[in-house]
Protein backbone atom coordinates (compact mmCIF):
# COMPACT_ATOMS: atom_id res chain seq x y z
CA MET A 1 -57.56 69.15 -19.86
CA LYS A 2 -54.82 65.99 -17.90
CA LEU A 3 -56.82 63.50 -20.89
CA PHE A 4 -55.22 65.10 -23.58
CA VAL A 5 -52.85 62.22 -24.38
CA THR A 6 -56.47 59.96 -24.12
CA ALA A 7 -57.57 62.16 -26.80
CA ALA A 8 -54.39 62.01 -29.11
CA LEU A 9 -54.07 58.68 -28.30
CA ALA A 10 -57.62 56.93 -28.65
CA CYS A 11 -58.44 58.26 -32.10
CA LEU A 12 -57.69 55.15 -34.53
CA ILE A 13 -60.54 54.53 -36.02
CA ALA A 14 -61.98 53.12 -39.59
CA ALA A 15 -60.97 55.40 -42.30
CA PRO A 16 -64.94 56.05 -44.17
CA ALA A 17 -65.72 55.91 -47.72
CA VAL A 18 -65.23 59.48 -48.20
CA ALA A 19 -62.42 60.99 -46.36
CA GLY A 20 -59.69 63.46 -47.05
CA ASP A 21 -56.77 64.95 -45.23
CA VAL A 22 -56.98 67.64 -42.38
CA VAL A 23 -52.89 69.84 -42.78
CA VAL A 24 -52.36 71.20 -39.32
CA THR A 25 -49.49 74.14 -39.88
CA LEU A 26 -47.98 74.81 -36.25
CA ASN A 27 -45.96 77.88 -35.85
CA GLY A 28 -43.95 78.59 -32.87
CA VAL A 29 -42.97 75.46 -31.14
CA GLU A 30 -40.77 75.62 -28.85
CA ALA A 31 -38.14 72.85 -28.98
CA ARG A 32 -38.76 71.72 -25.12
CA GLY A 33 -38.36 67.88 -25.60
CA GLY A 34 -41.43 65.05 -24.82
CA GLU A 35 -43.65 64.68 -27.73
CA ILE A 36 -46.60 67.52 -29.40
CA LEU A 37 -50.10 65.78 -28.97
CA ALA A 38 -52.75 66.70 -31.24
CA SER A 39 -56.48 65.40 -31.74
CA LEU A 40 -59.47 66.42 -33.77
CA ASN A 41 -62.91 66.37 -31.60
CA THR A 42 -66.58 66.57 -32.45
CA GLU A 43 -68.53 67.92 -30.10
CA ALA A 44 -69.30 64.75 -28.08
CA THR A 45 -65.72 63.97 -27.61
CA PHE A 46 -64.22 67.58 -27.33
CA MET A 47 -62.52 67.83 -23.85
CA ARG A 48 -63.13 64.80 -22.67
CA GLY A 49 -60.34 62.42 -23.63
CA GLU A 50 -61.72 61.19 -26.78
CA GLY A 51 -60.72 62.33 -30.12
CA GLU A 52 -62.01 61.06 -33.43
CA TYR A 53 -58.25 61.29 -34.76
CA GLY A 54 -54.80 61.85 -33.57
CA VAL A 55 -51.31 62.93 -34.29
CA ILE A 56 -47.78 62.52 -32.57
CA ALA A 57 -44.84 64.46 -33.71
CA SER A 58 -41.58 65.30 -31.54
CA GLY A 59 -41.52 68.31 -29.37
CA ASP A 60 -37.03 68.49 -30.12
CA GLU A 61 -37.98 70.86 -33.01
CA ALA A 62 -38.67 74.63 -31.89
CA GLY A 63 -40.29 76.43 -35.53
CA THR A 64 -43.32 75.46 -37.72
CA ILE A 65 -44.43 71.76 -37.96
CA THR A 66 -46.79 70.23 -39.55
CA LEU A 67 -49.35 67.88 -38.56
CA THR A 68 -51.24 65.83 -40.94
CA PHE A 69 -54.69 63.79 -40.03
CA GLU A 70 -55.68 61.47 -43.09
CA ASP A 71 -58.57 60.29 -44.13
CA VAL A 72 -60.54 62.55 -42.02
CA ALA A 73 -64.60 62.33 -42.30
CA PRO A 74 -66.68 65.39 -43.78
CA GLY A 75 -68.05 67.40 -40.69
CA ASP A 76 -67.31 69.93 -37.66
CA TYR A 77 -64.60 69.28 -35.22
CA ALA A 78 -62.00 71.12 -32.94
CA LEU A 79 -58.27 70.72 -32.96
CA MET A 80 -56.41 70.27 -29.22
CA VAL A 81 -52.82 70.35 -29.51
CA MET A 82 -50.54 70.36 -26.42
CA HIS A 83 -46.56 69.84 -26.16
CA ASP A 84 -46.12 67.18 -23.46
CA GLU A 85 -42.92 68.16 -22.24
CA ASN A 86 -42.48 66.25 -19.97
CA GLY A 87 -44.03 62.99 -21.39
CA ASN A 88 -46.36 61.92 -18.55
CA GLY A 89 -49.05 61.81 -20.46
CA GLN A 90 -51.06 64.95 -18.95
CA PHE A 91 -51.77 68.89 -19.57
CA ASP A 92 -49.78 69.99 -16.53
CA MET A 93 -51.00 72.64 -14.78
CA SER A 94 -49.04 75.10 -12.30
CA PRO A 95 -50.18 75.78 -9.01
CA MET A 96 -52.06 78.68 -10.00
CA GLY A 97 -54.15 77.16 -12.72
CA MET A 98 -52.48 77.96 -15.48
CA PRO A 99 -51.30 75.74 -18.52
CA ASP A 100 -47.94 74.63 -17.94
CA GLU A 101 -47.28 73.42 -21.34
CA GLY A 102 -47.62 74.74 -24.25
CA PHE A 103 -50.93 74.49 -26.28
CA THR A 104 -53.08 75.56 -28.90
CA PHE A 105 -57.13 75.30 -30.29
CA SER A 106 -57.93 75.60 -34.06
CA ASN A 107 -59.67 79.49 -34.16
CA GLY A 108 -56.53 80.51 -32.06
CA GLY A 109 -55.31 79.23 -28.54
CA ALA A 110 -55.20 82.17 -26.35
CA MET A 111 -58.55 82.12 -25.12
CA GLN A 112 -60.28 83.92 -21.78
CA GLY A 113 -61.65 80.70 -19.79
CA MET A 114 -62.49 77.52 -20.60
CA PRO A 115 -62.34 76.62 -24.28
CA THR A 116 -65.82 75.72 -26.02
CA PHE A 117 -66.39 73.19 -29.01
CA GLU A 118 -68.22 75.92 -30.50
CA VAL A 119 -65.50 79.29 -30.61
CA HIS A 120 -62.67 75.93 -31.60
CA LYS A 121 -64.74 73.99 -34.39
CA PHE A 122 -63.92 73.91 -37.98
CA THR A 123 -65.48 72.48 -40.45
CA VAL A 124 -63.83 69.91 -42.89
CA GLY A 125 -65.39 68.97 -46.21
CA GLU A 126 -64.42 66.31 -48.20
CA ASP A 127 -60.88 67.20 -50.22
CA GLY A 128 -60.14 67.79 -46.13
CA ALA A 129 -59.40 70.77 -44.88
CA THR A 130 -56.38 72.93 -43.77
CA LEU A 131 -55.29 75.44 -41.07
CA THR A 132 -52.29 77.85 -39.35
CA GLU A 133 -52.33 78.06 -35.85
CA THR A 134 -50.13 79.49 -32.96
CA MET A 135 -48.33 77.49 -30.07
CA PHE A 136 -49.00 79.00 -26.80
CA TYR A 137 -46.32 78.45 -23.39
CA MET A 138 -47.43 80.40 -20.64
CA ARG A 139 -44.11 79.93 -18.81
CA PRO A 140 -40.42 80.25 -19.90
CA ALA A 141 -38.63 77.52 -21.15
CA GLN A 142 -36.64 75.21 -18.04
């Protein structure tokens, strides 16, 4: 999961002829500074630090934010979001192996065990897609 930033930053590719926007409403964001890093991933890139599309937003606002991925080709994707609170470009884990920064995935962010593409995938049509997800923070704000 430490490759999350690479997924968000390595997502700029040429837009195909038929593409729509993916609009994500992200609830439960906590104002912890840093950046909100989001990526759309195919099965081939899921959890591998490479994403097809990426969005970066400020982590200074609490509440609900909207992320827009523009010109997304039709297909199956999984959304990965992390709140990189300290700006180190990594998804930090506690010494106990628990997430130390906020996160979510498409189709529900709170899960048991390692996330899988099959569980978190959704379909983007020619007109795009709309998702609503909730951020999860495992530790209190410092």
